[in-house]
Amino acid sequence: MKHKETGITKSGYYGFSWTTFFFGFFPALFRGDFITFIGGFVISIIIGILTWGIGYLFIGLIWAFMYNKYRAGLENLDSCISDKAALN
């Protein structure tokens, strides 16, 4: 990713998050995103209890598709993807 004003580039991931798929909300905890970890963990436990575990699988799959884009947005609010000019 490249900051629009300063030009500083930082590497990051885009697309499906395999670590989030396999480890749930724990990658957010290890990356210092405590609020996302606590919120996601509590919601997934509640839905898992209410649906006997089936709902947790759906939450994990959906969150694995969303997490990298969410994390990139948190870190670089004024940045864009610098892979190709068409993507910016």
N, C-alpha and C. Protein backbone atom coordinates (compact mmCIF):
# COMPACT_ATOMS: atom_id res chain seq x y z
N MET A 1 0.83 -1.16 0.00
CA MET A 1 0.00 0.00 0.00
C MET A 1 0.88 1.24 0.00
N LYS A 2 0.40 2.27 -0.60
CA LYS A 2 1.17 3.49 -0.72
C LYS A 2 0.35 4.66 -0.18
N HIS A 3 0.96 5.44 0.71
CA HIS A 3 0.28 6.61 1.27
C HIS A 3 0.20 7.68 0.20
N LYS A 4 -0.97 8.29 0.06
CA LYS A 4 -1.19 9.24 -1.03
C LYS A 4 -0.36 10.51 -0.90
N GLU A 5 -0.18 11.00 0.31
CA GLU A 5 0.52 12.27 0.49
C GLU A 5 2.03 12.12 0.65
N THR A 6 2.46 11.15 1.46
CA THR A 6 3.89 11.02 1.75
C THR A 6 4.62 10.09 0.80
N GLY A 7 3.90 9.17 0.15
CA GLY A 7 4.54 8.23 -0.77
C GLY A 7 5.17 7.04 -0.08
N ILE A 8 4.99 6.89 1.23
CA ILE A 8 5.55 5.76 1.96
C ILE A 8 4.78 4.50 1.60
N THR A 9 5.52 3.43 1.29
CA THR A 9 4.88 2.17 0.95
C THR A 9 5.01 1.19 2.10
N LYS A 10 4.00 0.35 2.24
CA LYS A 10 3.99 -0.67 3.28
C LYS A 10 3.36 -1.92 2.69
N SER A 11 3.95 -3.07 2.97
CA SER A 11 3.39 -4.31 2.43
C SER A 11 2.21 -4.75 3.28
N GLY A 12 1.26 -5.38 2.64
CA GLY A 12 0.07 -5.88 3.31
C GLY A 12 -0.60 -6.92 2.44
N TYR A 13 -1.64 -7.52 2.97
CA TYR A 13 -2.33 -8.58 2.25
C TYR A 13 -3.70 -8.11 1.83
N TYR A 14 -4.19 -8.68 0.77
CA TYR A 14 -5.49 -8.33 0.24
C TYR A 14 -6.17 -9.62 -0.19
N GLY A 15 -7.42 -9.79 0.12
CA GLY A 15 -8.14 -11.00 -0.26
C GLY A 15 -8.42 -11.89 0.92
N PHE A 16 -8.47 -13.17 0.70
CA PHE A 16 -8.84 -14.16 1.71
C PHE A 16 -7.74 -14.28 2.77
N SER A 17 -8.12 -14.30 4.04
CA SER A 17 -7.18 -14.43 5.15
C SER A 17 -7.18 -15.87 5.66
N TRP A 18 -6.15 -16.62 5.26
CA TRP A 18 -6.06 -18.01 5.69
C TRP A 18 -5.80 -18.14 7.19
N THR A 19 -5.04 -17.21 7.76
CA THR A 19 -4.79 -17.29 9.20
C THR A 19 -6.08 -17.06 9.98
N THR A 20 -6.92 -16.15 9.52
CA THR A 20 -8.20 -15.93 10.18
C THR A 20 -9.13 -17.12 9.96
N PHE A 21 -9.06 -17.75 8.81
CA PHE A 21 -9.89 -18.92 8.53
C PHE A 21 -9.55 -20.07 9.48
N PHE A 22 -8.26 -20.31 9.71
CA PHE A 22 -7.86 -21.43 10.55
C PHE A 22 -7.86 -21.11 12.05
N PHE A 23 -7.59 -19.87 12.42
CA PHE A 23 -7.44 -19.53 13.84
C PHE A 23 -8.50 -18.58 14.37
N GLY A 24 -9.52 -18.28 13.59
CA GLY A 24 -10.62 -17.44 14.05
C GLY A 24 -10.21 -16.00 14.29
N PHE A 25 -10.55 -15.47 15.43
CA PHE A 25 -10.27 -14.08 15.73
C PHE A 25 -8.91 -13.87 16.41
N PHE A 26 -8.15 -14.93 16.64
CA PHE A 26 -6.85 -14.79 17.31
C PHE A 26 -5.81 -14.01 16.52
N PRO A 27 -5.77 -14.03 15.18
CA PRO A 27 -4.83 -13.15 14.49
C PRO A 27 -5.04 -11.67 14.80
N ALA A 28 -6.28 -11.26 15.02
CA ALA A 28 -6.54 -9.87 15.41
C ALA A 28 -5.89 -9.58 16.77
N LEU A 29 -5.97 -10.52 17.68
CA LEU A 29 -5.34 -10.35 19.00
C LEU A 29 -3.82 -10.24 18.87
N PHE A 30 -3.22 -11.11 18.07
CA PHE A 30 -1.76 -11.10 17.92
C PHE A 30 -1.26 -9.88 17.16
N ARG A 31 -2.10 -9.26 16.37
CA ARG A 31 -1.72 -8.04 15.63
C ARG A 31 -2.05 -6.77 16.39
N GLY A 32 -2.53 -6.91 17.62
CA GLY A 32 -2.78 -5.75 18.47
C GLY A 32 -4.13 -5.11 18.29
N ASP A 33 -5.03 -5.76 17.59
CA ASP A 33 -6.36 -5.23 17.35
C ASP A 33 -7.31 -5.83 18.39
N PHE A 34 -7.20 -5.33 19.63
CA PHE A 34 -7.89 -5.93 20.76
C PHE A 34 -9.40 -5.78 20.69
N ILE A 35 -9.88 -4.63 20.25
CA ILE A 35 -11.32 -4.40 20.19
C ILE A 35 -11.99 -5.35 19.20
N THR A 36 -11.36 -5.55 18.04
CA THR A 36 -11.92 -6.48 17.05
C THR A 36 -11.91 -7.90 17.59
N PHE A 37 -10.83 -8.28 18.29
CA PHE A 37 -10.76 -9.62 18.86
C PHE A 37 -11.87 -9.84 19.88
N ILE A 38 -12.00 -8.91 20.83
CA ILE A 38 -13.01 -9.08 21.88
C ILE A 38 -14.42 -9.10 21.30
N GLY A 39 -14.72 -8.15 20.43
CA GLY A 39 -16.05 -8.09 19.83
C GLY A 39 -16.37 -9.33 19.01
N GLY A 40 -15.44 -9.72 18.15
CA GLY A 40 -15.67 -10.89 17.31
C GLY A 40 -15.74 -12.18 18.10
N PHE A 41 -14.90 -12.31 19.10
CA PHE A 41 -14.87 -13.52 19.92
C PHE A 41 -16.17 -13.67 20.71
N VAL A 42 -16.62 -12.59 21.32
CA VAL A 42 -17.86 -12.64 22.11
C VAL A 42 -19.06 -12.93 21.21
N ILE A 43 -19.14 -12.25 20.09
CA ILE A 43 -20.27 -12.49 19.17
C ILE A 43 -20.25 -13.91 18.63
N SER A 44 -19.07 -14.41 18.27
CA SER A 44 -19.00 -15.77 17.73
C SER A 44 -19.33 -16.81 18.79
N ILE A 45 -18.95 -16.59 20.04
CA ILE A 45 -19.30 -17.53 21.11
C ILE A 45 -20.81 -17.53 21.33
N ILE A 46 -21.41 -16.35 21.38
CA ILE A 46 -22.86 -16.27 21.59
C ILE A 46 -23.62 -16.95 20.46
N ILE A 47 -23.24 -16.66 19.22
CA ILE A 47 -23.93 -17.28 18.08
C ILE A 47 -23.63 -18.78 18.02
N GLY A 48 -22.42 -19.16 18.39
CA GLY A 48 -22.08 -20.58 18.44
C GLY A 48 -22.91 -21.34 19.45
N ILE A 49 -23.16 -20.74 20.61
CA ILE A 49 -23.99 -21.38 21.62
C ILE A 49 -25.43 -21.47 21.16
N LEU A 50 -25.94 -20.40 20.57
CA LEU A 50 -27.33 -20.39 20.13
C LEU A 50 -27.60 -21.35 18.98
N THR A 51 -26.59 -21.62 18.15
CA THR A 51 -26.80 -22.48 16.97
C THR A 51 -26.06 -23.82 17.09
N TRP A 52 -25.60 -24.15 18.28
CA TRP A 52 -24.90 -25.40 18.56
C TRP A 52 -23.62 -25.54 17.74
N GLY A 53 -22.96 -24.44 17.47
CA GLY A 53 -21.67 -24.44 16.80
C GLY A 53 -21.71 -24.20 15.30
N ILE A 54 -22.84 -24.38 14.68
CA ILE A 54 -22.94 -24.21 13.23
C ILE A 54 -22.75 -22.75 12.83
N GLY A 55 -23.31 -21.84 13.59
CA GLY A 55 -23.20 -20.41 13.28
C GLY A 55 -21.77 -19.92 13.33
N TYR A 56 -20.94 -20.50 14.21
CA TYR A 56 -19.54 -20.11 14.30
C TYR A 56 -18.80 -20.41 13.01
N LEU A 57 -19.12 -21.50 12.36
CA LEU A 57 -18.47 -21.84 11.09
C LEU A 57 -18.77 -20.79 10.02
N PHE A 58 -20.01 -20.33 9.97
CA PHE A 58 -20.38 -19.31 8.99
C PHE A 58 -19.71 -17.97 9.30
N ILE A 59 -19.66 -17.61 10.57
CA ILE A 59 -19.00 -16.36 10.96
C ILE A 59 -17.52 -16.42 10.61
N GLY A 60 -16.87 -17.54 10.89
CA GLY A 60 -15.45 -17.69 10.58
C GLY A 60 -15.16 -17.60 9.10
N LEU A 61 -16.00 -18.20 8.29
CA LEU A 61 -15.81 -18.15 6.84
C LEU A 61 -16.02 -16.75 6.29
N ILE A 62 -17.06 -16.09 6.73
CA ILE A 62 -17.34 -14.72 6.27
C ILE A 62 -16.24 -13.77 6.72
N TRP A 63 -15.80 -13.89 7.98
CA TRP A 63 -14.77 -12.99 8.50
C TRP A 63 -13.42 -13.22 7.81
N ALA A 64 -13.14 -14.45 7.39
CA ALA A 64 -11.89 -14.72 6.66
C ALA A 64 -11.85 -13.98 5.33
N PHE A 65 -12.99 -13.79 4.70
CA PHE A 65 -13.04 -13.02 3.46
C PHE A 65 -12.90 -11.51 3.72
N MET A 66 -13.33 -11.05 4.88
CA MET A 66 -13.39 -9.62 5.16
C MET A 66 -12.18 -9.06 5.92
N TYR A 67 -11.43 -9.89 6.65
CA TYR A 67 -10.47 -9.37 7.62
C TYR A 67 -9.31 -8.60 6.99
N ASN A 68 -8.70 -9.08 5.93
CA ASN A 68 -7.55 -8.38 5.35
C ASN A 68 -7.91 -6.99 4.85
N LYS A 69 -9.07 -6.87 4.24
CA LYS A 69 -9.49 -5.55 3.77
C LYS A 69 -9.81 -4.65 4.96
N TYR A 70 -10.42 -5.19 5.98
CA TYR A 70 -10.72 -4.43 7.20
C TYR A 70 -9.42 -3.95 7.86
N ARG A 71 -8.44 -4.84 7.98
CA ARG A 71 -7.17 -4.50 8.61
C ARG A 71 -6.41 -3.45 7.80
N ALA A 72 -6.41 -3.57 6.50
CA ALA A 72 -5.74 -2.59 5.64
C ALA A 72 -6.39 -1.23 5.78
N GLY A 73 -7.69 -1.19 5.92
CA GLY A 73 -8.39 0.07 6.10
C GLY A 73 -8.08 0.72 7.43
N LEU A 74 -7.86 -0.08 8.47
CA LEU A 74 -7.52 0.47 9.77
C LEU A 74 -6.12 1.07 9.78
N GLU A 75 -5.18 0.40 9.14
CA GLU A 75 -3.79 0.84 9.18
C GLU A 75 -3.53 2.05 8.29
N ASN A 76 -4.19 2.11 7.17
CA ASN A 76 -3.88 3.15 6.19
C ASN A 76 -5.14 3.79 5.65
N LEU A 77 -5.67 4.71 6.41
CA LEU A 77 -6.91 5.36 5.98
C LEU A 77 -6.69 6.24 4.76
N ASP A 78 -5.48 6.78 4.59
CA ASP A 78 -5.19 7.65 3.45
C ASP A 78 -4.32 6.96 2.41
N SER A 79 -4.36 5.64 2.34
CA SER A 79 -3.50 4.90 1.42
C SER A 79 -4.32 4.22 0.35
N CYS A 80 -3.62 3.76 -0.66
CA CYS A 80 -4.26 3.00 -1.72
C CYS A 80 -3.36 1.84 -2.09
N ILE A 81 -3.91 0.87 -2.79
CA ILE A 81 -3.15 -0.28 -3.24
C ILE A 81 -2.23 0.18 -4.37
N SER A 82 -0.96 -0.14 -4.27
CA SER A 82 0.00 0.35 -5.26
C SER A 82 0.45 -0.75 -6.22
N ASP A 83 -0.36 -1.78 -6.38
CA ASP A 83 -0.01 -2.88 -7.28
C ASP A 83 -0.07 -2.44 -8.74
N LYS A 84 -1.19 -1.89 -9.15
CA LYS A 84 -1.38 -1.43 -10.52
C LYS A 84 -2.07 -0.07 -10.49
N ALA A 85 -1.80 0.74 -11.46
CA ALA A 85 -2.41 2.06 -11.51
C ALA A 85 -3.93 1.97 -11.66
N ALA A 86 -4.41 0.93 -12.31
CA ALA A 86 -5.86 0.77 -12.50
C ALA A 86 -6.58 0.49 -11.19
N LEU A 87 -5.88 -0.11 -10.22
CA LEU A 87 -6.50 -0.41 -8.93
C LEU A 87 -6.56 0.80 -8.04
N ASN A 88 -5.77 1.80 -8.29
CA ASN A 88 -5.76 2.98 -7.44
C ASN A 88 -6.89 3.84 -7.85
